[in-house]
Amino acid sequence: VQLVESGGGLVQPGGSLRLSCTASGFTFSSYDMSWYRQAPGKERELVARVTSAGGSAIKANSVKGRFAISRDNAKDTVYLQMNSLKPEDTAVYYCNAVYRRAPGYDYWGQGTQVTVSS
């Protein structure tokens, strides 16, 4: 099982990035997919989730109206579109996959660094 994030980097305030997370080793379409983030000295925070049925939700109030999550089951990939980035969005962003119909199927990617700075 692998989750590989990409798309992070350094961006100026107000800029945009699109993170990708490509999965392998499991039936991607059956899993709820989420993006979390963890800033230095802070706890890991749930940012957004898209369910196996396709329903999506932004979970972090601080990014509502700026971020969007989507998935492409044909490509086994989940995306996080991040617009109007702020310095406080700086964090390591992690992809997570969870199978809700049975316990123990919970996978994490290695994370990708997003730095928002001028």
PDB file of N, CA and C in Angstrom:
ATOM      1  N   VAL A   1       0.843  -1.195   0.000  1.00  0.00           N
ATOM      2  CA  VAL A   1       0.000   0.000   0.000  1.00  0.00           C
ATOM      3  C   VAL A   1       0.879   1.246   0.000  1.00  0.00           C
ATOM      4  N   GLN A   2       0.550   2.167  -0.870  1.00  0.00           N
ATOM      5  CA  GLN A   2       1.294   3.437  -0.921  1.00  0.00           C
ATOM      6  C   GLN A   2       0.362   4.598  -1.208  1.00  0.00           C
ATOM      7  N   LEU A   3       0.650   5.701  -0.544  1.00  0.00           N
ATOM      8  CA  LEU A   3       0.045   6.989  -0.852  1.00  0.00           C
ATOM      9  C   LEU A   3       1.197   7.948  -1.081  1.00  0.00           C
ATOM     10  N   VAL A   4       1.260   8.524  -2.261  1.00  0.00           N
ATOM     11  CA  VAL A   4       2.372   9.396  -2.607  1.00  0.00           C
ATOM     12  C   VAL A   4       1.834  10.789  -2.916  1.00  0.00           C
ATOM     13  N   GLU A   5       2.189  11.740  -2.042  1.00  0.00           N
ATOM     14  CA  GLU A   5       1.775  13.129  -2.237  1.00  0.00           C
ATOM     15  C   GLU A   5       2.787  13.862  -3.115  1.00  0.00           C
ATOM     16  N   SER A   6       2.294  14.844  -3.829  1.00  0.00           N
ATOM     17  CA  SER A   6       3.151  15.710  -4.623  1.00  0.00           C
ATOM     18  C   SER A   6       2.466  17.057  -4.785  1.00  0.00           C
ATOM     19  N   GLY A   7       3.236  18.028  -5.260  1.00  0.00           N
ATOM     20  CA  GLY A   7       2.675  19.333  -5.550  1.00  0.00           C
ATOM     21  C   GLY A   7       2.971  20.414  -4.527  1.00  0.00           C
ATOM     22  N   GLY A   8       3.603  20.044  -3.426  1.00  0.00           N
ATOM     23  CA  GLY A   8       3.949  21.053  -2.441  1.00  0.00           C
ATOM     24  C   GLY A   8       5.109  21.915  -2.907  1.00  0.00           C
ATOM     25  N   GLY A   9       5.397  22.939  -2.115  1.00  0.00           N
ATOM     26  CA  GLY A   9       6.505  23.821  -2.458  1.00  0.00           C
ATOM     27  C   GLY A   9       6.368  25.162  -1.784  1.00  0.00           C
ATOM     28  N   LEU A  10       7.141  26.108  -2.270  1.00  0.00           N
ATOM     29  CA  LEU A  10       7.141  27.472  -1.759  1.00  0.00           C
ATOM     30  C   LEU A  10       6.278  28.339  -2.668  1.00  0.00           C
ATOM     31  N   VAL A  11       5.360  29.081  -2.068  1.00  0.00           N
ATOM     32  CA  VAL A  11       4.476  29.949  -2.842  1.00  0.00           C
ATOM     33  C   VAL A  11       4.297  31.250  -2.078  1.00  0.00           C
ATOM     34  N   GLN A  12       4.100  32.326  -2.812  1.00  0.00           N
ATOM     35  CA  GLN A  12       3.877  33.628  -2.173  1.00  0.00           C
ATOM     36  C   GLN A  12       2.449  33.736  -1.654  1.00  0.00           C
ATOM     37  N   PRO A  13       2.235  34.559  -0.645  1.00  0.00           N
ATOM     38  CA  PRO A  13       0.863  34.784  -0.169  1.00  0.00           C
ATOM     39  C   PRO A  13      -0.037  35.218  -1.327  1.00  0.00           C
ATOM     40  N   GLY A  14      -1.251  34.645  -1.333  1.00  0.00           N
ATOM     41  CA  GLY A  14      -2.188  34.916  -2.411  1.00  0.00           C
ATOM     42  C   GLY A  14      -2.075  33.956  -3.577  1.00  0.00           C
ATOM     43  N   GLY A  15      -1.054  33.144  -3.584  1.00  0.00           N
ATOM     44  CA  GLY A  15      -0.852  32.202  -4.667  1.00  0.00           C
ATOM     45  C   GLY A  15      -1.664  30.930  -4.510  1.00  0.00           C
ATOM     46  N   SER A  16      -1.461  30.014  -5.450  1.00  0.00           N
ATOM     47  CA  SER A  16      -2.211  28.748  -5.475  1.00  0.00           C
ATOM     48  C   SER A  16      -1.266  27.571  -5.646  1.00  0.00           C
ATOM     49  N   LEU A  17      -1.718  26.458  -5.120  1.00  0.00           N
ATOM     50  CA  LEU A  17      -1.046  25.177  -5.334  1.00  0.00           C
ATOM     51  C   LEU A  17      -2.108  24.096  -5.456  1.00  0.00           C
ATOM     52  N   ARG A  18      -1.781  23.057  -6.180  1.00  0.00           N
ATOM     53  CA  ARG A  18      -2.638  21.874  -6.209  1.00  0.00           C
ATOM     54  C   ARG A  18      -1.826  20.674  -5.754  1.00  0.00           C
ATOM     55  N   LEU A  19      -2.251  20.084  -4.660  1.00  0.00           N
ATOM     56  CA  LEU A  19      -1.617  18.872  -4.156  1.00  0.00           C
ATOM     57  C   LEU A  19      -2.292  17.660  -4.775  1.00  0.00           C
ATOM     58  N   SER A  20      -1.483  16.643  -5.032  1.00  0.00           N
ATOM     59  CA  SER A  20      -1.996  15.371  -5.537  1.00  0.00           C
ATOM     60  C   SER A  20      -1.549  14.252  -4.614  1.00  0.00           C
ATOM     61  N   CYS A  21      -2.376  13.241  -4.513  1.00  0.00           N
ATOM     62  CA  CYS A  21      -2.037  12.048  -3.745  1.00  0.00           C
ATOM     63  C   CYS A  21      -2.469  10.852  -4.584  1.00  0.00           C
ATOM     64  N   THR A  22      -1.487  10.078  -5.018  1.00  0.00           N
ATOM     65  CA  THR A  22      -1.771   8.920  -5.849  1.00  0.00           C
ATOM     66  C   THR A  22      -1.620   7.654  -5.024  1.00  0.00           C
ATOM     67  N   ALA A  23      -2.627   6.808  -5.098  1.00  0.00           N
ATOM     68  CA  ALA A  23      -2.690   5.604  -4.283  1.00  0.00           C
ATOM     69  C   ALA A  23      -2.358   4.364  -5.090  1.00  0.00           C
ATOM     70  N   SER A  24      -1.861   3.364  -4.395  1.00  0.00           N
ATOM     71  CA  SER A  24      -1.636   2.054  -5.004  1.00  0.00           C
ATOM     72  C   SER A  24      -1.714   0.983  -3.932  1.00  0.00           C
ATOM     73  N   GLY A  25      -2.071  -0.213  -4.347  1.00  0.00           N
ATOM     74  CA  GLY A  25      -2.078  -1.331  -3.420  1.00  0.00           C
ATOM     75  C   GLY A  25      -3.397  -1.603  -2.727  1.00  0.00           C
ATOM     76  N   PHE A  26      -4.404  -0.804  -3.024  1.00  0.00           N
ATOM     77  CA  PHE A  26      -5.726  -1.032  -2.458  1.00  0.00           C
ATOM     78  C   PHE A  26      -6.781  -0.473  -3.416  1.00  0.00           C
ATOM     79  N   THR A  27      -8.032  -0.799  -3.143  1.00  0.00           N
ATOM     80  CA  THR A  27      -9.126  -0.373  -4.017  1.00  0.00           C
ATOM     81  C   THR A  27      -9.507   1.061  -3.670  1.00  0.00           C
ATOM     82  N   PHE A  28      -8.887   1.982  -4.371  1.00  0.00           N
ATOM     83  CA  PHE A  28      -8.992   3.412  -4.062  1.00  0.00           C
ATOM     84  C   PHE A  28     -10.446   3.872  -3.980  1.00  0.00           C
ATOM     85  N   SER A  29     -11.269   3.427  -4.902  1.00  0.00           N
ATOM     86  CA  SER A  29     -12.640   3.932  -4.988  1.00  0.00           C
ATOM     87  C   SER A  29     -13.480   3.565  -3.767  1.00  0.00           C
ATOM     88  N   SER A  30     -13.044   2.593  -2.985  1.00  0.00           N
ATOM     89  CA  SER A  30     -13.809   2.148  -1.814  1.00  0.00           C
ATOM     90  C   SER A  30     -13.439   2.898  -0.539  1.00  0.00           C
ATOM     91  N   TYR A  31     -12.479   3.787  -0.630  1.00  0.00           N
ATOM     92  CA  TYR A  31     -11.947   4.462   0.540  1.00  0.00           C
ATOM     93  C   TYR A  31     -12.362   5.931   0.596  1.00  0.00           C
ATOM     94  N   ASP A  32     -12.637   6.396   1.796  1.00  0.00           N
ATOM     95  CA  ASP A  32     -12.732   7.824   2.037  1.00  0.00           C
ATOM     96  C   ASP A  32     -11.318   8.398   2.028  1.00  0.00           C
ATOM     97  N   MET A  33     -11.155   9.532   1.358  1.00  0.00           N
ATOM     98  CA  MET A  33      -9.841  10.155   1.247  1.00  0.00           C
ATOM     99  C   MET A  33      -9.864  11.528   1.911  1.00  0.00           C
ATOM    100  N   SER A  34      -8.808  11.803   2.648  1.00  0.00           N
ATOM    101  CA  SER A  34      -8.747  13.070   3.382  1.00  0.00           C
ATOM    102  C   SER A  34      -7.370  13.700   3.228  1.00  0.00           C
ATOM    103  N   TRP A  35      -7.361  14.998   3.427  1.00  0.00           N
ATOM    104  CA  TRP A  35      -6.119  15.751   3.564  1.00  0.00           C
ATOM    105  C   TRP A  35      -6.063  16.304   4.982  1.00  0.00           C
ATOM    106  N   TYR A  36      -4.929  16.096   5.625  1.00  0.00           N
ATOM    107  CA  TYR A  36      -4.621  16.679   6.917  1.00  0.00           C
ATOM    108  C   TYR A  36      -3.404  17.584   6.748  1.00  0.00           C
ATOM    109  N   ARG A  37      -3.192  18.410   7.739  1.00  0.00           N
ATOM    110  CA  ARG A  37      -1.971  19.204   7.752  1.00  0.00           C
ATOM    111  C   ARG A  37      -1.473  19.362   9.179  1.00  0.00           C
ATOM    112  N   GLN A  38      -0.175  19.561   9.278  1.00  0.00           N
ATOM    113  CA  GLN A  38       0.434  19.765  10.589  1.00  0.00           C
ATOM    114  C   GLN A  38       1.490  20.843  10.485  1.00  0.00           C
ATOM    115  N   ALA A  39       1.240  21.926  11.196  1.00  0.00           N
ATOM    116  CA  ALA A  39       2.196  23.023  11.257  1.00  0.00           C
ATOM    117  C   ALA A  39       3.154  22.791  12.424  1.00  0.00           C
ATOM    118  N   PRO A  40       4.344  23.393  12.385  1.00  0.00           N
ATOM    119  CA  PRO A  40       5.299  23.203  13.479  1.00  0.00           C
ATOM    120  C   PRO A  40       4.712  23.570  14.831  1.00  0.00           C
ATOM    121  N   GLY A  41       4.832  22.661  15.779  1.00  0.00           N
ATOM    122  CA  GLY A  41       4.351  22.920  17.124  1.00  0.00           C
ATOM    123  C   GLY A  41       2.861  22.789  17.314  1.00  0.00           C
ATOM    124  N   LYS A  42       2.154  22.331  16.267  1.00  0.00           N
ATOM    125  CA  LYS A  42       0.706  22.204  16.356  1.00  0.00           C
ATOM    126  C   LYS A  42       0.287  20.765  16.093  1.00  0.00           C
ATOM    127  N   GLU A  43      -0.949  20.466  16.485  1.00  0.00           N
ATOM    128  CA  GLU A  43      -1.480  19.132  16.244  1.00  0.00           C
ATOM    129  C   GLU A  43      -1.903  18.982  14.775  1.00  0.00           C
ATOM    130  N   ARG A  44      -1.958  17.734  14.353  1.00  0.00           N
ATOM    131  CA  ARG A  44      -2.416  17.476  13.001  1.00  0.00           C
ATOM    132  C   ARG A  44      -3.895  17.836  12.890  1.00  0.00           C
ATOM    133  N   GLU A  45      -4.244  18.501  11.807  1.00  0.00           N
ATOM    134  CA  GLU A  45      -5.589  19.041  11.606  1.00  0.00           C
ATOM    135  C   GLU A  45      -6.209  18.469  10.340  1.00  0.00           C
ATOM    136  N   LEU A  46      -7.478  18.062  10.446  1.00  0.00           N
ATOM    137  CA  LEU A  46      -8.208  17.602   9.265  1.00  0.00           C
ATOM    138  C   LEU A  46      -8.592  18.816   8.420  1.00  0.00           C
ATOM    139  N   VAL A  47      -8.214  18.799   7.159  1.00  0.00           N
ATOM    140  CA  VAL A  47      -8.490  19.919   6.266  1.00  0.00           C
ATOM    141  C   VAL A  47      -9.733  19.667   5.421  1.00  0.00           C
ATOM    142  N   ALA A  48      -9.791  18.502   4.784  1.00  0.00           N
ATOM    143  CA  ALA A  48     -10.900  18.214   3.866  1.00  0.00           C
ATOM    144  C   ALA A  48     -11.014  16.717   3.666  1.00  0.00           C
ATOM    145  N   ARG A  49     -12.235  16.297   3.292  1.00  0.00           N
ATOM    146  CA  ARG A  49     -12.489  14.869   3.077  1.00  0.00           C
ATOM    147  C   ARG A  49     -13.417  14.702   1.885  1.00  0.00           C
ATOM    148  N   VAL A  50     -13.172  13.655   1.124  1.00  0.00           N
ATOM    149  CA  VAL A  50     -14.104  13.238   0.076  1.00  0.00           C
ATOM    150  C   VAL A  50     -14.380  11.752   0.303  1.00  0.00           C
ATOM    151  N   THR A  51     -15.646  11.409   0.379  1.00  0.00           N
ATOM    152  CA  THR A  51     -16.012  10.033   0.704  1.00  0.00           C
ATOM    153  C   THR A  51     -15.923   9.126  -0.517  1.00  0.00           C
ATOM    154  N   SER A  52     -16.046   7.839  -0.278  1.00  0.00           N
ATOM    155  CA  SER A  52     -16.029   6.877  -1.380  1.00  0.00           C
ATOM    156  C   SER A  52     -17.219   7.096  -2.311  1.00  0.00           C
ATOM    157  N   ALA A  53     -18.287   7.667  -1.768  1.00  0.00           N
ATOM    158  CA  ALA A  53     -19.467   7.955  -2.583  1.00  0.00           C
ATOM    159  C   ALA A  53     -19.338   9.258  -3.358  1.00  0.00           C
ATOM    160  N   GLY A  54     -18.277  10.008  -3.074  1.00  0.00           N
ATOM    161  CA  GLY A  54     -18.043  11.242  -3.816  1.00  0.00           C
ATOM    162  C   GLY A  54     -18.441  12.515  -3.106  1.00  0.00           C
ATOM    163  N   GLY A  55     -19.049  12.391  -1.934  1.00  0.00           N
ATOM    164  CA  GLY A  55     -19.402  13.579  -1.188  1.00  0.00           C
ATOM    165  C   GLY A  55     -18.178  14.218  -0.574  1.00  0.00           C
ATOM    166  N   SER A  56     -18.057  15.522  -0.727  1.00  0.00           N
ATOM    167  CA  SER A  56     -16.862  16.194  -0.236  1.00  0.00           C
ATOM    168  C   SER A  56     -17.225  17.262   0.776  1.00  0.00           C
ATOM    169  N   ALA A  57     -16.280  17.548   1.650  1.00  0.00           N
ATOM    170  CA  ALA A  57     -16.494  18.583   2.653  1.00  0.00           C
ATOM    171  C   ALA A  57     -15.163  19.177   3.070  1.00  0.00           C
ATOM    172  N   ILE A  58     -15.147  20.464   3.240  1.00  0.00           N
ATOM    173  CA  ILE A  58     -14.007  21.164   3.828  1.00  0.00           C
ATOM    174  C   ILE A  58     -14.247  21.192   5.330  1.00  0.00           C
ATOM    175  N   LYS A  59     -13.323  20.652   6.065  1.00  0.00           N
ATOM    176  CA  LYS A  59     -13.506  20.485   7.504  1.00  0.00           C
ATOM    177  C   LYS A  59     -12.864  21.589   8.345  1.00  0.00           C
ATOM    178  N   ALA A  60     -11.877  22.253   7.799  1.00  0.00           N
ATOM    179  CA  ALA A  60     -11.189  23.304   8.542  1.00  0.00           C
ATOM    180  C   ALA A  60     -11.804  24.647   8.187  1.00  0.00           C
ATOM    181  N   ASN A  61     -12.365  25.321   9.173  1.00  0.00           N
ATOM    182  CA  ASN A  61     -13.033  26.603   8.916  1.00  0.00           C
ATOM    183  C   ASN A  61     -12.085  27.625   8.294  1.00  0.00           C
ATOM    184  N   SER A  62     -10.828  27.536   8.645  1.00  0.00           N
ATOM    185  CA  SER A  62      -9.870  28.541   8.190  1.00  0.00           C
ATOM    186  C   SER A  62      -9.594  28.474   6.687  1.00  0.00           C
ATOM    187  N   VAL A  63      -9.994  27.387   6.028  1.00  0.00           N
ATOM    188  CA  VAL A  63      -9.712  27.272   4.596  1.00  0.00           C
ATOM    189  C   VAL A  63     -10.979  27.266   3.748  1.00  0.00           C
ATOM    190  N   LYS A  64     -12.136  27.357   4.379  1.00  0.00           N
ATOM    191  CA  LYS A  64     -13.393  27.362   3.618  1.00  0.00           C
ATOM    192  C   LYS A  64     -13.428  28.541   2.661  1.00  0.00           C
ATOM    193  N   GLY A  65     -13.840  28.243   1.442  1.00  0.00           N
ATOM    194  CA  GLY A  65     -13.879  29.255   0.407  1.00  0.00           C
ATOM    195  C   GLY A  65     -12.571  29.413  -0.346  1.00  0.00           C
ATOM    196  N   ARG A  66     -11.516  28.759   0.140  1.00  0.00           N
ATOM    197  CA  ARG A  66     -10.207  28.867  -0.514  1.00  0.00           C
ATOM    198  C   ARG A  66      -9.696  27.522  -1.026  1.00  0.00           C
ATOM    199  N   PHE A  67     -10.024  26.445  -0.323  1.00  0.00           N
ATOM    200  CA  PHE A  67      -9.553  25.108  -0.680  1.00  0.00           C
ATOM    201  C   PHE A  67     -10.707  24.278  -1.223  1.00  0.00           C
ATOM    202  N   ALA A  68     -10.362  23.307  -2.062  1.00  0.00           N
ATOM    203  CA  ALA A  68     -11.346  22.347  -2.557  1.00  0.00           C
ATOM    204  C   ALA A  68     -10.687  20.989  -2.717  1.00  0.00           C
ATOM    205  N   ILE A  69     -11.435  19.954  -2.381  1.00  0.00           N
ATOM    206  CA  ILE A  69     -10.938  18.584  -2.519  1.00  0.00           C
ATOM    207  C   ILE A  69     -11.720  17.893  -3.618  1.00  0.00           C
ATOM    208  N   SER A  70     -11.035  17.034  -4.361  1.00  0.00           N
ATOM    209  CA  SER A  70     -11.695  16.249  -5.396  1.00  0.00           C
ATOM    210  C   SER A  70     -10.942  14.942  -5.573  1.00  0.00           C
ATOM    211  N   ARG A  71     -11.577  14.004  -6.249  1.00  0.00           N
ATOM    212  CA  ARG A  71     -10.934  12.711  -6.497  1.00  0.00           C
ATOM    213  C   ARG A  71     -11.195  12.270  -7.918  1.00  0.00           C
ATOM    214  N   ASP A  72     -10.262  11.487  -8.441  1.00  0.00           N
ATOM    215  CA  ASP A  72     -10.405  10.885  -9.755  1.00  0.00           C
ATOM    216  C   ASP A  72     -10.147   9.396  -9.575  1.00  0.00           C
ATOM    217  N   ASN A  73     -11.210   8.622  -9.507  1.00  0.00           N
ATOM    218  CA  ASN A  73     -11.058   7.194  -9.250  1.00  0.00           C
ATOM    219  C   ASN A  73     -10.374   6.467 -10.410  1.00  0.00           C
ATOM    220  N   ALA A  74     -10.484   7.019 -11.606  1.00  0.00           N
ATOM    221  CA  ALA A  74      -9.815   6.390 -12.748  1.00  0.00           C
ATOM    222  C   ALA A  74      -8.298   6.513 -12.637  1.00  0.00           C
ATOM    223  N   LYS A  75      -7.851   7.523 -11.902  1.00  0.00           N
ATOM    224  CA  LYS A  75      -6.417   7.747 -11.723  1.00  0.00           C
ATOM    225  C   LYS A  75      -5.941   7.413 -10.313  1.00  0.00           C
ATOM    226  N   ASP A  76      -6.852   6.915  -9.480  1.00  0.00           N
ATOM    227  CA  ASP A  76      -6.495   6.590  -8.087  1.00  0.00           C
ATOM    228  C   ASP A  76      -5.828   7.771  -7.394  1.00  0.00           C
ATOM    229  N   THR A  77      -6.386   8.936  -7.618  1.00  0.00           N
ATOM    230  CA  THR A  77      -5.744  10.164  -7.134  1.00  0.00           C
ATOM    231  C   THR A  77      -6.774  11.079  -6.483  1.00  0.00           C
ATOM    232  N   VAL A  78      -6.351  11.693  -5.391  1.00  0.00           N
ATOM    233  CA  VAL A  78      -7.143  12.731  -4.738  1.00  0.00           C
ATOM    234  C   VAL A  78      -6.340  14.027  -4.788  1.00  0.00           C
ATOM    235  N   TYR A  79      -7.068  15.126  -4.929  1.00  0.00           N
ATOM    236  CA  TYR A  79      -6.443  16.431  -5.104  1.00  0.00           C
ATOM    237  C   TYR A  79      -6.878  17.380  -4.000  1.00  0.00           C
ATOM    238  N   LEU A  80      -6.034  18.349  -3.723  1.00  0.00           N
ATOM    239  CA  LEU A  80      -6.404  19.468  -2.868  1.00  0.00           C
ATOM    240  C   LEU A  80      -5.989  20.739  -3.594  1.00  0.00           C
ATOM    241  N   GLN A  81      -6.975  21.464  -4.081  1.00  0.00           N
ATOM    242  CA  GLN A  81      -6.727  22.745  -4.722  1.00  0.00           C
ATOM    243  C   GLN A  81      -6.720  23.823  -3.649  1.00  0.00           C
ATOM    244  N   MET A  82      -5.625  24.553  -3.576  1.00  0.00           N
ATOM    245  CA  MET A  82      -5.465  25.571  -2.544  1.00  0.00           C
ATOM    246  C   MET A  82      -5.261  26.926  -3.203  1.00  0.00           C
ATOM    247  N   ASN A  83      -6.190  27.824  -2.968  1.00  0.00           N
ATOM    248  CA  ASN A  83      -6.127  29.169  -3.532  1.00  0.00           C
ATOM    249  C   ASN A  83      -6.003  30.201  -2.422  1.00  0.00           C
ATOM    250  N   SER A  84      -5.609  31.399  -2.813  1.00  0.00           N
ATOM    251  CA  SER A  84      -5.486  32.516  -1.862  1.00  0.00           C
ATOM    252  C   SER A  84      -4.711  32.086  -0.621  1.00  0.00           C
ATOM    253  N   LEU A  85      -3.582  31.483  -0.839  1.00  0.00           N
ATOM    254  CA  LEU A  85      -2.811  30.919   0.274  1.00  0.00           C
ATOM    255  C   LEU A  85      -2.306  32.018   1.197  1.00  0.00           C
ATOM    256  N   LYS A  86      -2.262  31.664   2.476  1.00  0.00           N
ATOM    257  CA  LYS A  86      -1.816  32.572   3.520  1.00  0.00           C
ATOM    258  C   LYS A  86      -0.620  31.959   4.245  1.00  0.00           C
ATOM    259  N   PRO A  87       0.190  32.781   4.888  1.00  0.00           N
ATOM    260  CA  PRO A  87       1.329  32.228   5.640  1.00  0.00           C
ATOM    261  C   PRO A  87       0.903  31.181   6.672  1.00  0.00           C
ATOM    262  N   GLU A  88      -0.273  31.335   7.236  1.00  0.00           N
ATOM    263  CA  GLU A  88      -0.740  30.366   8.229  1.00  0.00           C
ATOM    264  C   GLU A  88      -1.138  29.025   7.627  1.00  0.00           C
ATOM    265  N   ASP A  89      -1.146  28.926   6.299  1.00  0.00           N
ATOM    266  CA  ASP A  89      -1.369  27.633   5.650  1.00  0.00           C
ATOM    267  C   ASP A  89      -0.085  26.804   5.573  1.00  0.00           C
ATOM    268  N   THR A  90       1.017  27.398   5.968  1.00  0.00           N
ATOM    269  CA  THR A  90       2.289  26.683   5.963  1.00  0.00           C
ATOM    270  C   THR A  90       2.230  25.470   6.879  1.00  0.00           C
ATOM    271  N   ALA A  91       2.524  24.301   6.321  1.00  0.00           N
ATOM    272  CA  ALA A  91       2.425  23.053   7.077  1.00  0.00           C
ATOM    273  C   ALA A  91       2.897  21.911   6.185  1.00  0.00           C
ATOM    274  N   VAL A  92       3.046  20.759   6.797  1.00  0.00           N
ATOM    275  CA  VAL A  92       3.188  19.524   6.032  1.00  0.00           C
ATOM    276  C   VAL A  92       1.780  18.982   5.814  1.00  0.00           C
ATOM    277  N   TYR A  93       1.467  18.696   4.566  1.00  0.00           N
ATOM    278  CA  TYR A  93       0.141  18.200   4.206  1.00  0.00           C
ATOM    279  C   TYR A  93       0.223  16.686   3.952  1.00  0.00           C
ATOM    280  N   TYR A  94      -0.698  15.968   4.589  1.00  0.00           N
ATOM    281  CA  TYR A  94      -0.718  14.516   4.520  1.00  0.00           C
ATOM    282  C   TYR A  94      -2.006  14.007   3.892  1.00  0.00           C
ATOM    283  N   CYS A  95      -1.864  12.985   3.105  1.00  0.00           N
ATOM    284  CA  CYS A  95      -2.990  12.282   2.508  1.00  0.00           C
ATOM    285  C   CYS A  95      -3.332  11.081   3.389  1.00  0.00           C
ATOM    286  N   ASN A  96      -4.627  10.824   3.542  1.00  0.00           N
ATOM    287  CA  ASN A  96      -5.092   9.712   4.377  1.00  0.00           C
ATOM    288  C   ASN A  96      -6.195   8.953   3.663  1.00  0.00           C
ATOM    289  N   ALA A  97      -6.153   7.638   3.772  1.00  0.00           N
ATOM    290  CA  ALA A  97      -7.188   6.776   3.187  1.00  0.00           C
ATOM    291  C   ALA A  97      -7.775   5.896   4.279  1.00  0.00           C
ATOM    292  N   VAL A  98      -9.089   5.856   4.357  1.00  0.00           N
ATOM    293  CA  VAL A  98      -9.762   5.044   5.368  1.00  0.00           C
ATOM    294  C   VAL A  98     -10.896   4.253   4.718  1.00  0.00           C
ATOM    295  N   TYR A  99     -10.943   2.971   5.083  1.00  0.00           N
ATOM    296  CA  TYR A  99     -12.042   2.101   4.636  1.00  0.00           C
ATOM    297  C   TYR A  99     -13.028   1.999   5.790  1.00  0.00           C
ATOM    298  N   ARG A 100     -14.213   2.540   5.587  1.00  0.00           N
ATOM    299  CA  ARG A 100     -15.164   2.685   6.693  1.00  0.00           C
ATOM    300  C   ARG A 100     -15.911   1.413   7.039  1.00  0.00           C
ATOM    301  N   ARG A 101     -15.890   0.433   6.163  1.00  0.00           N
ATOM    302  CA  ARG A 101     -16.728  -0.756   6.378  1.00  0.00           C
ATOM    303  C   ARG A 101     -16.056  -1.821   7.209  1.00  0.00           C
ATOM    304  N   ALA A 102     -14.789  -1.623   7.549  1.00  0.00           N
ATOM    305  CA  ALA A 102     -14.095  -2.595   8.392  1.00  0.00           C
ATOM    306  C   ALA A 102     -12.969  -1.865   9.103  1.00  0.00           C
ATOM    307  N   PRO A 103     -12.631  -2.287  10.297  1.00  0.00           N
ATOM    308  CA  PRO A 103     -11.564  -1.602  11.038  1.00  0.00           C
ATOM    309  C   PRO A 103     -10.186  -1.986  10.520  1.00  0.00           C
ATOM    310  N   GLY A 104      -9.233  -1.109  10.777  1.00  0.00           N
ATOM    311  CA  GLY A 104      -7.841  -1.443  10.516  1.00  0.00           C
ATOM    312  C   GLY A 104      -7.306  -1.056   9.157  1.00  0.00           C
ATOM    313  N   TYR A 105      -8.152  -0.490   8.310  1.00  0.00           N
ATOM    314  CA  TYR A 105      -7.692  -0.097   6.979  1.00  0.00           C
ATOM    315  C   TYR A 105      -7.583   1.424   6.946  1.00  0.00           C
ATOM    316  N   ASP A 106      -6.429   1.900   7.357  1.00  0.00           N
ATOM    317  CA  ASP A 106      -6.185   3.330   7.554  1.00  0.00           C
ATOM    318  C   ASP A 106      -4.747   3.594   7.143  1.00  0.00           C
ATOM    319  N   TYR A 107      -4.561   4.322   6.060  1.00  0.00           N
ATOM    320  CA  TYR A 107      -3.240   4.509   5.485  1.00  0.00           C
ATOM    321  C   TYR A 107      -2.892   5.988   5.381  1.00  0.00           C
ATOM    322  N   TRP A 108      -1.573   6.271   5.493  1.00  0.00           N
ATOM    323  CA  TRP A 108      -1.072   7.650   5.428  1.00  0.00           C
ATOM    324  C   TRP A 108       0.042   7.763   4.405  1.00  0.00           C
ATOM    325  N   GLY A 109       0.102   8.930   3.765  1.00  0.00           N
ATOM    326  CA  GLY A 109       1.241   9.257   2.939  1.00  0.00           C
ATOM    327  C   GLY A 109       2.363   9.840   3.782  1.00  0.00           C
ATOM    328  N   GLN A 110       3.462  10.161   3.113  1.00  0.00           N
ATOM    329  CA  GLN A 110       4.654  10.653   3.815  1.00  0.00           C
ATOM    330  C   GLN A 110       4.616  12.156   4.043  1.00  0.00           C
ATOM    331  N   GLY A 111       3.707  12.822   3.392  1.00  0.00           N
ATOM    332  CA  GLY A 111       3.554  14.263   3.562  1.00  0.00           C
ATOM    333  C   GLY A 111       4.303  15.058   2.514  1.00  0.00           C
ATOM    334  N   THR A 112       3.783  16.247   2.248  1.00  0.00           N
ATOM    335  CA  THR A 112       4.446  17.182   1.347  1.00  0.00           C
ATOM    336  C   THR A 112       4.425  18.562   1.992  1.00  0.00           C
ATOM    337  N   GLN A 113       5.541  19.244   1.945  1.00  0.00           N
ATOM    338  CA  GLN A 113       5.684  20.541   2.608  1.00  0.00           C
ATOM    339  C   GLN A 113       5.098  21.652   1.746  1.00  0.00           C
ATOM    340  N   VAL A 114       4.273  22.461   2.362  1.00  0.00           N
ATOM    341  CA  VAL A 114       3.757  23.675   1.738  1.00  0.00           C
ATOM    342  C   VAL A 114       4.235  24.860   2.580  1.00  0.00           C
ATOM    343  N   THR A 115       4.927  25.775   1.941  1.00  0.00           N
ATOM    344  CA  THR A 115       5.420  26.968   2.623  1.00  0.00           C
ATOM    345  C   THR A 115       4.901  28.203   1.896  1.00  0.00           C
ATOM    346  N   VAL A 116       4.199  29.036   2.638  1.00  0.00           N
ATOM    347  CA  VAL A 116       3.641  30.268   2.074  1.00  0.00           C
ATOM    348  C   VAL A 116       4.415  31.434   2.677  1.00  0.00           C
ATOM    349  N   SER A 117       5.183  32.085   1.844  1.00  0.00           N
ATOM    350  CA  SER A 117       6.060  33.147   2.341  1.00  0.00           C
ATOM    351  C   SER A 117       6.460  34.058   1.197  1.00  0.00           C
ATOM    352  N   SER A 118       6.640  35.316   1.540  1.00  0.00           N
ATOM    353  CA  SER A 118       7.133  36.258   0.545  1.00  0.00           C
ATOM    354  C   SER A 118       8.660  36.370   0.589  1.00  0.00           C
TER     355      SER A 118
END
